[in-house]
């Protein structure tokens, strides 16, 4: 991919990128699965990291072939996540606050584009006192097609008033990388649970272990 020009806007994924949520989702779903006797394993969960809830739910019904138990898992799993978040809060990923403060200082626009539901995104952001710190949010229930389709990033970018070549996407999953690539917007990967493969290397500007390095990258890029 071509080298970025000055970065004027950053589009953030949320789950696994801003917050350490994937282990939280697994924990909640595993607790409910154990209660109702579904063999919901960690390896099974990993297969759907970075996909939409809709895709996960479709596969749960297909794989477990028990509509009543799967429906219970979906409903109660979400409730359990909310209970845990309201009680314990969330773990913010390394370097995120430093990066967010830097972007505010430099008047660089900031958007969240997450496959999660709008109500869940707002719960997380409010719980960690981040309300008002993004220009706007685009959720999975505001688009017709989930990542790896580029629709959510196209929608997030369309309100920025910034050229695509001056926009940067931050992602942790391969489906997010594919969506960014197909949207024609440069992307940096900060992997969460699943290490990057060859496709991720080919479709990203850089792969960094945390957001502190991303902040340094943007700062260096904008000083050119």
C-alpha atoms as a PDB file:
ATOM      1  CA  UNK A   1       0.000   0.000   0.000  1.00  0.00           C
ATOM      2  CA  UNK A   2       1.086   3.604  -0.572  1.00  0.00           C
ATOM      3  CA  UNK A   3       2.618   5.567   2.266  1.00  0.00           C
ATOM      4  CA  UNK A   4       0.060   7.686   4.086  1.00  0.00           C
ATOM      5  CA  UNK A   5      -0.089  11.424   3.739  1.00  0.00           C
ATOM      6  CA  UNK A   6      -0.811  13.493   6.840  1.00  0.00           C
ATOM      7  CA  UNK A   7      -3.277  11.687   9.110  1.00  0.00           C
ATOM      8  CA  UNK A   8      -6.325  13.864   9.787  1.00  0.00           C
ATOM      9  CA  UNK A   9      -8.754  11.203  11.038  1.00  0.00           C
ATOM     10  CA  UNK A  10      -8.579   7.852  12.813  1.00  0.00           C
ATOM     11  CA  UNK A  11     -11.306   5.200  12.717  1.00  0.00           C
ATOM     12  CA  UNK A  12     -11.204   2.796  15.663  1.00  0.00           C
ATOM     13  CA  UNK A  13     -12.589  -0.683  15.894  1.00  0.00           C
ATOM     14  CA  UNK A  14     -13.713  -1.285  19.491  1.00  0.00           C
ATOM     15  CA  UNK A  15     -13.740  -4.934  20.611  1.00  0.00           C
ATOM     16  CA  UNK A  16     -10.203  -6.158  21.145  1.00  0.00           C
ATOM     17  CA  UNK A  17      -8.778  -2.792  20.046  1.00  0.00           C
ATOM     18  CA  UNK A  18     -10.018  -0.198  22.547  1.00  0.00           C
ATOM     19  CA  UNK A  19     -11.211  -2.660  25.178  1.00  0.00           C
ATOM     20  CA  UNK A  20     -10.072  -6.156  26.109  1.00  0.00           C
ATOM     21  CA  UNK A  21     -13.543  -7.574  25.455  1.00  0.00           C
ATOM     22  CA  UNK A  22     -12.994 -10.892  23.729  1.00  0.00           C
ATOM     23  CA  UNK A  23     -12.089 -12.719  26.938  1.00  0.00           C
ATOM     24  CA  UNK A  24     -15.094 -11.037  28.569  1.00  0.00           C
ATOM     25  CA  UNK A  25     -17.460 -12.316  25.859  1.00  0.00           C
ATOM     26  CA  UNK A  26     -16.024 -15.798  26.089  1.00  0.00           C
ATOM     27  CA  UNK A  27     -16.337 -15.820  29.871  1.00  0.00           C
ATOM     28  CA  UNK A  28     -19.995 -14.735  29.757  1.00  0.00           C
ATOM     29  CA  UNK A  29     -20.950 -17.232  27.056  1.00  0.00           C
ATOM     30  CA  UNK A  30     -19.017 -20.041  28.719  1.00  0.00           C
ATOM     31  CA  UNK A  31     -20.770 -19.452  32.042  1.00  0.00           C
ATOM     32  CA  UNK A  32     -24.210 -19.621  30.420  1.00  0.00           C
ATOM     33  CA  UNK A  33     -23.239 -22.620  28.264  1.00  0.00           C
ATOM     34  CA  UNK A  34     -22.082 -24.540  31.313  1.00  0.00           C
ATOM     35  CA  UNK A  35     -25.381 -23.791  33.045  1.00  0.00           C
ATOM     36  CA  UNK A  36     -27.470 -25.198  30.169  1.00  0.00           C
ATOM     37  CA  UNK A  37     -25.156 -27.971  28.958  1.00  0.00           C
ATOM     38  CA  UNK A  38     -23.777 -26.620  25.665  1.00  0.00           C
ATOM     39  CA  UNK A  39     -20.226 -27.584  24.674  1.00  0.00           C
ATOM     40  CA  UNK A  40     -19.132 -24.005  23.938  1.00  0.00           C
ATOM     41  CA  UNK A  41     -15.327 -24.179  23.877  1.00  0.00           C
ATOM     42  CA  UNK A  42     -12.632 -21.526  23.623  1.00  0.00           C
ATOM     43  CA  UNK A  43     -11.502 -22.903  20.248  1.00  0.00           C
ATOM     44  CA  UNK A  44     -15.067 -22.644  18.972  1.00  0.00           C
ATOM     45  CA  UNK A  45     -15.305 -19.035  20.160  1.00  0.00           C
ATOM     46  CA  UNK A  46     -12.006 -18.096  18.489  1.00  0.00           C
ATOM     47  CA  UNK A  47     -13.411 -19.083  15.085  1.00  0.00           C
ATOM     48  CA  UNK A  48     -15.837 -16.161  15.258  1.00  0.00           C
ATOM     49  CA  UNK A  49     -13.673 -13.436  16.758  1.00  0.00           C
ATOM     50  CA  UNK A  50     -14.083 -10.337  14.590  1.00  0.00           C
ATOM     51  CA  UNK A  51     -17.373 -11.440  13.038  1.00  0.00           C
ATOM     52  CA  UNK A  52     -20.800  -9.925  13.600  1.00  0.00           C
ATOM     53  CA  UNK A  53     -23.195 -11.164  16.274  1.00  0.00           C
ATOM     54  CA  UNK A  54     -25.510 -12.204  13.462  1.00  0.00           C
ATOM     55  CA  UNK A  55     -22.916 -14.515  11.937  1.00  0.00           C
ATOM     56  CA  UNK A  56     -22.028 -15.998  15.320  1.00  0.00           C
ATOM     57  CA  UNK A  57     -25.687 -16.633  16.114  1.00  0.00           C
ATOM     58  CA  UNK A  58     -26.342 -18.284  12.747  1.00  0.00           C
ATOM     59  CA  UNK A  59     -23.466 -20.665  13.354  1.00  0.00           C
ATOM     60  CA  UNK A  60     -24.550 -21.417  16.913  1.00  0.00           C
ATOM     61  CA  UNK A  61     -27.951 -22.546  15.647  1.00  0.00           C
ATOM     62  CA  UNK A  62     -26.343 -24.558  12.860  1.00  0.00           C
ATOM     63  CA  UNK A  63     -23.668 -26.235  14.965  1.00  0.00           C
ATOM     64  CA  UNK A  64     -25.545 -27.000  18.188  1.00  0.00           C
ATOM     65  CA  UNK A  65     -28.929 -27.849  16.630  1.00  0.00           C
ATOM     66  CA  UNK A  66     -30.857 -26.904  19.769  1.00  0.00           C
ATOM     67  CA  UNK A  67     -32.922 -23.785  19.171  1.00  0.00           C
ATOM     68  CA  UNK A  68     -34.116 -23.417  22.747  1.00  0.00           C
ATOM     69  CA  UNK A  69     -30.662 -23.642  24.331  1.00  0.00           C
ATOM     70  CA  UNK A  70     -29.001 -21.448  21.694  1.00  0.00           C
ATOM     71  CA  UNK A  71     -31.690 -18.780  22.051  1.00  0.00           C
ATOM     72  CA  UNK A  72     -31.149 -18.888  25.823  1.00  0.00           C
ATOM     73  CA  UNK A  73     -27.380 -18.571  25.355  1.00  0.00           C
ATOM     74  CA  UNK A  74     -27.734 -15.554  23.073  1.00  0.00           C
ATOM     75  CA  UNK A  75     -30.168 -13.730  25.356  1.00  0.00           C
ATOM     76  CA  UNK A  76     -28.555 -14.554  28.672  1.00  0.00           C
ATOM     77  CA  UNK A  77     -24.989 -14.252  27.382  1.00  0.00           C
ATOM     78  CA  UNK A  78     -25.605 -10.632  26.442  1.00  0.00           C
ATOM     79  CA  UNK A  79     -27.200  -9.956  29.824  1.00  0.00           C
ATOM     80  CA  UNK A  80     -24.220 -11.541  31.573  1.00  0.00           C
ATOM     81  CA  UNK A  81     -21.803  -9.317  29.638  1.00  0.00           C
ATOM     82  CA  UNK A  82     -23.774  -6.235  30.690  1.00  0.00           C
ATOM     83  CA  UNK A  83     -23.811  -7.377  34.318  1.00  0.00           C
ATOM     84  CA  UNK A  84     -20.052  -7.912  34.359  1.00  0.00           C
ATOM     85  CA  UNK A  85     -19.338  -4.567  32.683  1.00  0.00           C
ATOM     86  CA  UNK A  86     -21.646  -2.604  34.973  1.00  0.00           C
ATOM     87  CA  UNK A  87     -20.124  -4.282  38.025  1.00  0.00           C
ATOM     88  CA  UNK A  88     -16.447  -4.562  37.122  1.00  0.00           C
ATOM     89  CA  UNK A  89     -15.871  -2.178  34.216  1.00  0.00           C
ATOM     90  CA  UNK A  90     -13.616  -2.937  31.271  1.00  0.00           C
ATOM     91  CA  UNK A  91      -9.907  -3.303  30.691  1.00  0.00           C
ATOM     92  CA  UNK A  92      -8.698  -0.544  28.356  1.00  0.00           C
ATOM     93  CA  UNK A  93      -6.013  -1.713  25.943  1.00  0.00           C
ATOM     94  CA  UNK A  94      -2.431  -0.582  26.362  1.00  0.00           C
ATOM     95  CA  UNK A  95      -1.716   2.812  24.858  1.00  0.00           C
ATOM     96  CA  UNK A  96      -5.311   3.727  24.051  1.00  0.00           C
ATOM     97  CA  UNK A  97      -5.693   6.632  26.473  1.00  0.00           C
ATOM     98  CA  UNK A  98      -2.325   8.043  25.470  1.00  0.00           C
ATOM     99  CA  UNK A  99      -3.330   7.836  21.800  1.00  0.00           C
ATOM    100  CA  UNK A 100      -6.765   9.353  22.425  1.00  0.00           C
ATOM    101  CA  UNK A 101      -5.271  12.282  24.340  1.00  0.00           C
ATOM    102  CA  UNK A 102      -2.741  12.841  21.559  1.00  0.00           C
ATOM    103  CA  UNK A 103      -5.429  12.869  18.848  1.00  0.00           C
ATOM    104  CA  UNK A 104      -7.452  15.401  20.829  1.00  0.00           C
ATOM    105  CA  UNK A 105      -4.393  17.591  21.330  1.00  0.00           C
ATOM    106  CA  UNK A 106      -3.655  17.541  17.593  1.00  0.00           C
ATOM    107  CA  UNK A 107      -7.312  18.028  16.549  1.00  0.00           C
ATOM    108  CA  UNK A 108      -7.325  14.743  14.639  1.00  0.00           C
ATOM    109  CA  UNK A 109     -10.845  13.408  14.152  1.00  0.00           C
ATOM    110  CA  UNK A 110     -11.812  10.201  15.958  1.00  0.00           C
ATOM    111  CA  UNK A 111     -14.589   7.748  15.109  1.00  0.00           C
ATOM    112  CA  UNK A 112     -15.592   4.321  16.427  1.00  0.00           C
ATOM    113  CA  UNK A 113     -16.751   1.801  13.803  1.00  0.00           C
ATOM    114  CA  UNK A 114     -17.682  -1.393  15.623  1.00  0.00           C
ATOM    115  CA  UNK A 115     -19.661  -4.473  14.606  1.00  0.00           C
ATOM    116  CA  UNK A 116     -21.164  -4.471  18.097  1.00  0.00           C
ATOM    117  CA  UNK A 117     -24.688  -3.202  18.820  1.00  0.00           C
ATOM    118  CA  UNK A 118     -25.128   0.510  19.416  1.00  0.00           C
ATOM    119  CA  UNK A 119     -26.503   0.045  22.952  1.00  0.00           C
ATOM    120  CA  UNK A 120     -23.521  -2.119  23.916  1.00  0.00           C
ATOM    121  CA  UNK A 121     -20.995   0.327  22.455  1.00  0.00           C
ATOM    122  CA  UNK A 122     -22.563   3.200  24.388  1.00  0.00           C
ATOM    123  CA  UNK A 123     -22.648   1.120  27.598  1.00  0.00           C
ATOM    124  CA  UNK A 124     -18.923   0.413  27.304  1.00  0.00           C
ATOM    125  CA  UNK A 125     -17.979   3.987  26.446  1.00  0.00           C
ATOM    126  CA  UNK A 126     -20.128   5.451  29.217  1.00  0.00           C
ATOM    127  CA  UNK A 127     -18.848   2.924  31.776  1.00  0.00           C
ATOM    128  CA  UNK A 128     -15.256   3.986  31.101  1.00  0.00           C
ATOM    129  CA  UNK A 129     -16.044   7.732  31.023  1.00  0.00           C
ATOM    130  CA  UNK A 130     -15.267   8.139  27.318  1.00  0.00           C
ATOM    131  CA  UNK A 131     -18.572   9.760  26.368  1.00  0.00           C
ATOM    132  CA  UNK A 132     -18.050  12.744  24.078  1.00  0.00           C
ATOM    133  CA  UNK A 133     -14.474  11.888  23.232  1.00  0.00           C
ATOM    134  CA  UNK A 134     -15.279  10.616  19.724  1.00  0.00           C
ATOM    135  CA  UNK A 135     -16.737  12.673  16.894  1.00  0.00           C
ATOM    136  CA  UNK A 136     -19.346   9.968  16.343  1.00  0.00           C
ATOM    137  CA  UNK A 137     -19.950   6.220  16.444  1.00  0.00           C
ATOM    138  CA  UNK A 138     -21.065   3.763  13.760  1.00  0.00           C
ATOM    139  CA  UNK A 139     -22.421   0.431  15.026  1.00  0.00           C
ATOM    140  CA  UNK A 140     -23.106  -2.941  13.487  1.00  0.00           C
ATOM    141  CA  UNK A 141     -26.856  -2.399  13.605  1.00  0.00           C
ATOM    142  CA  UNK A 142     -26.515   0.702  11.412  1.00  0.00           C
ATOM    143  CA  UNK A 143     -25.239  -1.223   8.375  1.00  0.00           C
ATOM    144  CA  UNK A 144     -26.667  -4.030   6.276  1.00  0.00           C
ATOM    145  CA  UNK A 145     -23.479  -6.024   5.876  1.00  0.00           C
ATOM    146  CA  UNK A 146     -20.933  -6.867   8.567  1.00  0.00           C
ATOM    147  CA  UNK A 147     -17.153  -6.937   8.258  1.00  0.00           C
ATOM    148  CA  UNK A 148     -15.373  -8.136   6.120  1.00  0.00           C
ATOM    149  CA  UNK A 149     -17.733  -6.086   3.951  1.00  0.00           C
ATOM    150  CA  UNK A 150     -16.371  -2.517   3.831  1.00  0.00           C
ATOM    151  CA  UNK A 151     -19.786  -0.884   4.420  1.00  0.00           C
ATOM    152  CA  UNK A 152     -19.168   0.078   8.044  1.00  0.00           C
ATOM    153  CA  UNK A 153     -15.871   1.783   7.244  1.00  0.00           C
ATOM    154  CA  UNK A 154     -17.328   3.538   4.221  1.00  0.00           C
ATOM    155  CA  UNK A 155     -20.121   4.861   6.442  1.00  0.00           C
ATOM    156  CA  UNK A 156     -17.678   5.884   9.188  1.00  0.00           C
ATOM    157  CA  UNK A 157     -15.434   7.667   6.699  1.00  0.00           C
ATOM    158  CA  UNK A 158     -18.266   9.423   4.833  1.00  0.00           C
ATOM    159  CA  UNK A 159     -19.008  11.802   7.698  1.00  0.00           C
ATOM    160  CA  UNK A 160     -15.442  12.876   8.351  1.00  0.00           C
ATOM    161  CA  UNK A 161     -14.911  15.381   5.563  1.00  0.00           C
ATOM    162  CA  UNK A 162     -11.397  13.995   5.195  1.00  0.00           C
ATOM    163  CA  UNK A 163      -9.841  12.322   2.138  1.00  0.00           C
ATOM    164  CA  UNK A 164      -9.358   8.564   2.368  1.00  0.00           C
ATOM    165  CA  UNK A 165      -5.603   8.970   1.964  1.00  0.00           C
ATOM    166  CA  UNK A 166      -5.599  11.122   5.122  1.00  0.00           C
ATOM    167  CA  UNK A 167      -7.622   8.592   7.121  1.00  0.00           C
ATOM    168  CA  UNK A 168      -6.261   5.685   9.162  1.00  0.00           C
ATOM    169  CA  UNK A 169      -8.165   2.647  10.440  1.00  0.00           C
ATOM    170  CA  UNK A 170      -7.043   0.718  13.530  1.00  0.00           C
ATOM    171  CA  UNK A 171      -8.105  -2.929  13.696  1.00  0.00           C
ATOM    172  CA  UNK A 172      -7.298  -6.127  15.565  1.00  0.00           C
ATOM    173  CA  UNK A 173      -9.008  -8.806  13.426  1.00  0.00           C
ATOM    174  CA  UNK A 174      -8.552 -10.161   9.906  1.00  0.00           C
ATOM    175  CA  UNK A 175     -12.173  -9.405   8.987  1.00  0.00           C
ATOM    176  CA  UNK A 176     -11.599  -5.795   9.975  1.00  0.00           C
ATOM    177  CA  UNK A 177      -8.391  -5.728   7.932  1.00  0.00           C
ATOM    178  CA  UNK A 178     -10.264  -7.054   4.893  1.00  0.00           C
ATOM    179  CA  UNK A 179     -13.006  -4.459   5.336  1.00  0.00           C
ATOM    180  CA  UNK A 180     -10.510  -1.611   5.594  1.00  0.00           C
ATOM    181  CA  UNK A 181      -8.543  -2.837   2.580  1.00  0.00           C
ATOM    182  CA  UNK A 182     -11.673  -3.120   0.434  1.00  0.00           C
ATOM    183  CA  UNK A 183     -12.781   0.351   1.564  1.00  0.00           C
ATOM    184  CA  UNK A 184      -9.494   1.686   0.219  1.00  0.00           C
ATOM    185  CA  UNK A 185      -8.416   3.113   3.574  1.00  0.00           C
ATOM    186  CA  UNK A 186      -5.011   2.391   5.086  1.00  0.00           C
ATOM    187  CA  UNK A 187      -5.068   0.219   8.184  1.00  0.00           C
ATOM    188  CA  UNK A 188      -2.723  -0.627  11.031  1.00  0.00           C
ATOM    189  CA  UNK A 189      -3.301  -3.885  12.864  1.00  0.00           C
ATOM    190  CA  UNK A 190      -2.899  -4.290  16.611  1.00  0.00           C
ATOM    191  CA  UNK A 191      -3.597  -8.023  17.051  1.00  0.00           C
ATOM    192  CA  UNK A 192      -5.648  -9.225  19.990  1.00  0.00           C
ATOM    193  CA  UNK A 193      -6.256 -12.970  20.451  1.00  0.00           C
ATOM    194  CA  UNK A 194      -5.369 -14.189  16.964  1.00  0.00           C
ATOM    195  CA  UNK A 195      -1.866 -13.558  15.572  1.00  0.00           C
ATOM    196  CA  UNK A 196      -1.604 -12.039  12.084  1.00  0.00           C
ATOM    197  CA  UNK A 197      -1.119 -14.265   9.048  1.00  0.00           C
ATOM    198  CA  UNK A 198       0.232 -13.553   5.594  1.00  0.00           C
ATOM    199  CA  UNK A 199      -2.955 -11.846   4.428  1.00  0.00           C
ATOM    200  CA  UNK A 200      -2.825  -9.396   7.331  1.00  0.00           C
ATOM    201  CA  UNK A 201       0.790  -8.557   6.516  1.00  0.00           C
ATOM    202  CA  UNK A 202      -0.109  -7.906   2.880  1.00  0.00           C
ATOM    203  CA  UNK A 203      -3.128  -5.689   3.598  1.00  0.00           C
ATOM    204  CA  UNK A 204      -1.842  -3.486   6.423  1.00  0.00           C
ATOM    205  CA  UNK A 205       0.531  -0.555   6.629  1.00  0.00           C
ATOM    206  CA  UNK A 206       2.034  -1.899   9.836  1.00  0.00           C
ATOM    207  CA  UNK A 207       1.364  -4.468  12.551  1.00  0.00           C
ATOM    208  CA  UNK A 208       2.099  -3.187  16.055  1.00  0.00           C
ATOM    209  CA  UNK A 209       1.785  -4.883  19.418  1.00  0.00           C
ATOM    210  CA  UNK A 210       0.030  -1.963  21.116  1.00  0.00           C
ATOM    211  CA  UNK A 211      -1.492   1.469  20.559  1.00  0.00           C
ATOM    212  CA  UNK A 212       1.431   3.317  22.117  1.00  0.00           C
ATOM    213  CA  UNK A 213       3.431   2.458  19.005  1.00  0.00           C
ATOM    214  CA  UNK A 214       0.534   3.629  16.832  1.00  0.00           C
ATOM    215  CA  UNK A 215       0.671   7.027  18.537  1.00  0.00           C
ATOM    216  CA  UNK A 216       4.382   7.283  17.789  1.00  0.00           C
ATOM    217  CA  UNK A 217       3.736   6.285  14.165  1.00  0.00           C
ATOM    218  CA  UNK A 218       1.073   8.973  13.658  1.00  0.00           C
ATOM    219  CA  UNK A 219       3.232  11.605  15.301  1.00  0.00           C
ATOM    220  CA  UNK A 220       6.183  10.746  13.074  1.00  0.00           C
ATOM    221  CA  UNK A 221       3.979  10.638   9.967  1.00  0.00           C
ATOM    222  CA  UNK A 222       2.478  14.054  10.636  1.00  0.00           C
ATOM    223  CA  UNK A 223       5.856  15.686  11.204  1.00  0.00           C
ATOM    224  CA  UNK A 224       7.002  14.866   7.667  1.00  0.00           C
END
